Protein backbone atom coordinates (compact mmCIF):
# COMPACT_ATOMS: atom_id res chain seq x y z
CA MET A 1 11.92 26.94 51.60
CA PRO A 2 12.51 25.54 48.12
CA ASP A 3 13.76 27.80 45.34
CA ALA A 4 11.04 29.22 43.11
CA VAL A 5 10.90 28.11 39.47
CA ALA A 6 9.75 30.30 36.60
CA GLY A 7 8.91 29.85 32.96
CA CYS A 8 5.98 29.56 30.60
CA ALA A 9 5.82 25.80 31.15
CA ALA A 10 6.93 25.77 34.82
CA SER A 11 5.06 23.42 37.13
CA LEU A 12 5.30 22.04 40.65
CA ASP A 13 7.19 19.07 39.15
CA ASP A 14 10.10 21.46 38.48
CA VAL A 15 10.41 22.48 42.16
CA VAL A 16 13.29 20.82 44.02
CA LEU A 17 12.18 19.88 47.52
CA PRO A 18 14.35 20.68 50.54
CA ALA A 19 16.21 17.72 52.03
CA ASN A 20 14.26 15.74 54.61
CA THR A 21 15.53 16.01 58.19
CA ASP A 22 14.98 14.11 61.43
CA ALA A 23 12.10 16.51 62.15
CA ILE A 24 10.47 17.23 58.77
CA ALA A 25 9.73 15.33 55.56
CA TYR A 26 8.81 17.27 52.40
CA SER A 27 6.48 16.16 49.63
CA LYS A 28 4.37 17.65 46.82
CA SER A 29 0.60 17.68 46.49
CA GLU A 30 -1.74 19.34 44.01
CA LEU A 31 -1.85 22.35 46.38
CA GLY A 32 1.91 22.86 46.77
CA VAL A 33 4.85 21.73 48.90
CA VAL A 34 3.85 19.91 52.10
CA ALA A 35 6.06 19.79 55.21
CA THR A 36 5.17 16.94 57.58
CA LEU A 37 6.58 16.44 61.07
CA THR A 38 8.18 13.00 61.28
CA SER A 39 8.01 12.62 65.08
CA ASP A 40 5.88 13.77 68.00
CA ALA A 41 9.11 15.07 69.56
CA TYR A 42 9.05 18.03 67.17
CA ALA A 43 6.61 20.92 66.62
CA PHE A 44 6.37 23.67 64.03
CA PRO A 45 7.36 27.14 65.25
CA GLU A 46 4.65 29.79 65.58
CA GLU A 47 6.07 31.76 62.62
CA LEU A 48 6.12 29.55 59.52
CA GLY A 49 7.00 32.25 56.99
CA ALA A 50 5.24 31.50 53.69
CA TYR A 51 4.06 28.08 54.88
CA GLU A 52 0.46 27.78 56.12
CA LEU A 53 -0.40 25.42 58.99
CA GLN A 54 -3.08 22.92 57.92
CA GLU A 55 -5.77 21.21 60.01
CA ASP A 56 -4.04 17.84 59.67
CA GLY A 57 -0.87 19.22 61.34
CA THR A 58 1.15 19.63 58.15
CA ALA A 59 2.40 22.94 56.76
CA LEU A 60 1.64 23.89 53.14
CA LEU A 61 3.64 26.17 50.85
CA PRO A 62 1.13 27.10 48.12
CA THR A 63 2.14 26.36 44.53
CA ASP A 64 1.77 29.99 43.41
CA LEU A 65 4.62 31.00 45.76
CA VAL A 66 7.14 28.60 44.21
CA VAL A 67 5.92 28.28 40.60
CA LEU A 68 6.00 31.60 38.78
CA GLU A 69 4.31 31.20 35.41
CA GLU A 70 5.46 33.50 32.62
CA ASP A 71 3.59 34.55 29.50
CA CYS A 72 5.21 32.85 26.51
CA ALA A 73 3.42 34.92 23.88
CA GLU A 74 5.65 36.95 21.60
CA PRO A 75 5.64 40.57 22.79
CA THR A 76 4.47 43.12 20.25
CA PRO A 77 6.94 45.97 19.82
CA GLU A 78 5.68 49.28 21.12
CA PRO A 79 6.47 52.51 19.28
CA SER A 80 9.19 54.44 21.03
CA ALA A 81 8.25 57.72 22.67
CA PRO A 82 10.05 60.90 21.58
CA VAL A 83 12.95 61.82 23.83
CA ALA A 84 12.59 65.19 25.52
CA GLU A 85 15.66 67.40 25.57
CA PRO A 86 16.80 68.28 29.10
CA SER A 87 16.02 71.86 30.13
CA GLU A 88 18.39 74.29 31.85
CA GLU A 89 16.53 73.86 35.15
CA ALA A 90 15.90 70.40 36.48
CA SER A 91 12.43 69.65 37.71
CA VAL A 92 11.23 66.84 39.93
CA ALA A 93 7.94 65.22 39.04
CA PRO A 94 5.74 64.29 42.00
CA VAL A 95 5.51 60.59 42.80
CA ALA A 96 1.98 59.34 42.26
CA GLU A 97 0.28 57.97 45.34
CA PRO A 98 -1.16 54.47 44.97
CA SER A 99 -4.91 54.33 44.51
CA ALA A 100 -6.99 53.26 47.50
CA SER A 101 -9.36 51.38 45.19
CA PRO A 102 -8.64 47.75 44.31
CA SER A 103 -7.18 46.91 40.93
CA PRO A 104 -9.73 46.26 38.18
CA SER A 105 -8.79 42.59 37.94
CA GLY A 106 -9.41 42.04 41.65
CA GLU A 107 -6.10 40.18 41.96
CA ALA A 108 -3.32 40.95 44.42
CA PRO A 109 -0.36 42.92 43.02
CA PRO A 110 2.55 40.82 41.75
CA VAL A 111 5.02 39.78 44.41
CA LEU A 112 8.77 39.48 43.95
CA ALA A 113 10.04 35.96 44.38
CA ALA A 114 10.56 34.81 47.99
CA THR A 115 10.80 38.34 49.44
CA GLY A 116 7.21 39.41 49.87
CA ALA A 117 8.08 42.83 48.41
CA THR A 118 5.62 44.13 45.85
CA VAL A 119 6.66 45.41 42.44
CA GLY A 120 4.93 48.72 43.23
CA GLY A 121 7.12 49.15 46.31
CA ALA A 122 10.26 48.59 44.25
CA ILE A 123 9.08 51.13 41.66
CA ALA A 124 8.32 53.69 44.38
CA PHE A 125 11.78 53.17 45.87
CA ALA A 126 13.41 53.62 42.45
CA ALA A 127 11.41 56.84 41.90
CA LEU A 128 12.55 58.11 45.30
CA LEU A 129 16.19 57.40 44.41
CA ALA A 130 15.80 59.17 41.04
CA ALA A 131 14.19 62.22 42.69
CA GLY A 132 17.04 62.37 45.21
CA GLY A 133 19.60 62.25 42.41
CA ILE A 134 17.88 65.06 40.52
CA ALA A 135 17.71 67.16 43.69
CA LEU A 136 21.43 66.58 44.31
CA VAL A 137 22.37 67.63 40.75
CA TRP A 138 20.18 70.74 41.05
CA ALA A 139 21.75 71.71 44.40
CA ARG A 140 25.30 71.25 43.08
CA LYS A 141 24.51 73.32 40.01
CA ARG A 142 23.16 76.16 42.17
CA MET A 143 26.29 76.02 44.34
CA GLN A 144 28.52 76.32 41.25
CA ASN A 145 26.57 79.32 39.95
CA ALA A 146 26.66 81.14 43.31
C-alpha cells in the first residue's frame, strides 16, 4: 500500500507507487492506484485490505484513501473559554454515547490514515483514559485521608 499524502494541494500525482514485482504492476488512474497481475501464474488473495477487486481483474485503491485533502483557509481564532478552578472533590463526567442517527452531512466520519480507525473512536479512547486517571487520583486521595 502506498503512503498517503496530505495537503491543501495534494493530488494523486503526489502518491509514490509501490515497486512493481514479478506478480504485480502498479499504475495510477483517475479513480486511484491500480494493481494489475502481470502473469496468470499469480492471483490476488481473498483479503485485499483497502484495495477493491474490479471486474477487469485488477485491484483498485481509491484516491480518497491515499490523498487526504486539507483545508487551506486561514483558521479564525476562537475566543478562549474561562478555565474552571478544580474543586476539592474530583468528578467524572459521563462519556456521551454516539448518536444512532446519521450525521447531517450524510458523509462517513473521518478516518485516520491507513488504519481504518475513526476519529470518534480515538476521542472515546482518550476520554476513557482521562476518566481512569481521574478515578485513580480520587481513590489515592481517599486512601490518604483514611
